[in-house]
């Protein structure tokens, strides 16, 4: 499964922050690539969402 639905359902944080983090990660993956991208059949946004939800990639709010 590409997107961990259980993690998405359980997510209690700010959805806007999650969206921004996923978009930024998707841009990074698109520019630099990622080993998970091939497993997910080239689905950049789904790969980014999975990485953020499973905390493989962490994000920090800029002030």
Protein backbone atom coordinates (compact mmCIF):
# COMPACT_ATOMS: atom_id res chain seq x y z
CA UNK A 1 0.00 0.00 0.00
CA UNK A 2 1.36 3.38 -0.98
CA UNK A 3 -0.48 5.60 1.51
CA UNK A 4 -0.76 4.38 5.10
CA UNK A 5 -4.47 5.10 5.56
CA UNK A 6 -4.48 4.20 9.24
CA UNK A 7 -1.77 6.79 9.90
CA UNK A 8 -3.72 9.39 7.92
CA UNK A 9 -6.92 8.67 9.84
CA UNK A 10 -5.11 8.82 13.20
CA UNK A 11 -3.32 12.08 12.32
CA UNK A 12 -4.35 14.72 14.85
CA UNK A 13 -2.09 17.57 13.79
CA UNK A 14 -2.74 20.59 11.65
CA UNK A 15 -3.80 19.44 8.17
CA UNK A 16 -2.48 22.65 6.60
CA UNK A 17 0.98 22.01 8.08
CA UNK A 18 0.84 18.40 6.88
CA UNK A 19 -0.10 19.56 3.37
CA UNK A 20 2.74 22.09 3.22
CA UNK A 21 5.25 19.51 4.50
CA UNK A 22 4.12 16.95 1.91
CA UNK A 23 4.31 19.49 -0.93
CA UNK A 24 7.83 20.53 0.06
CA UNK A 25 8.92 16.89 0.36
CA UNK A 26 7.36 16.09 -3.03
CA UNK A 27 9.41 18.89 -4.60
CA UNK A 28 12.57 17.49 -2.98
CA UNK A 29 11.82 13.99 -4.26
CA UNK A 30 11.08 15.31 -7.74
CA UNK A 31 14.41 17.16 -7.86
CA UNK A 32 16.69 14.65 -6.13
CA UNK A 33 14.84 11.33 -6.41
CA UNK A 34 14.29 8.73 -3.71
CA UNK A 35 14.67 4.95 -3.52
CA UNK A 36 11.01 4.57 -2.47
CA UNK A 37 9.81 6.30 -5.62
CA UNK A 38 10.40 3.22 -7.76
CA UNK A 39 8.47 1.03 -5.29
CA UNK A 40 5.53 3.44 -5.50
CA UNK A 41 5.49 3.39 -9.30
CA UNK A 42 6.69 6.97 -9.64
CA UNK A 43 3.96 8.53 -7.50
CA UNK A 44 5.81 11.48 -6.02
CA UNK A 45 3.06 12.96 -3.83
CA UNK A 46 2.01 9.57 -2.44
CA UNK A 47 5.64 8.80 -1.61
CA UNK A 48 6.05 12.17 0.12
CA UNK A 49 2.84 11.69 2.12
CA UNK A 50 3.92 8.24 3.25
CA UNK A 51 7.33 9.52 4.34
CA UNK A 52 5.85 12.39 6.36
CA UNK A 53 3.11 10.29 7.98
CA UNK A 54 5.48 7.48 8.96
CA UNK A 55 7.99 10.09 10.18
CA UNK A 56 10.74 8.89 7.86
CA UNK A 57 11.00 12.58 7.05
CA UNK A 58 10.30 15.11 9.79
CA UNK A 59 9.30 18.70 9.26
CA UNK A 60 9.70 21.83 11.32
CA UNK A 61 7.54 24.95 11.20
CA UNK A 62 9.47 28.07 10.20
CA UNK A 63 8.66 31.16 12.21
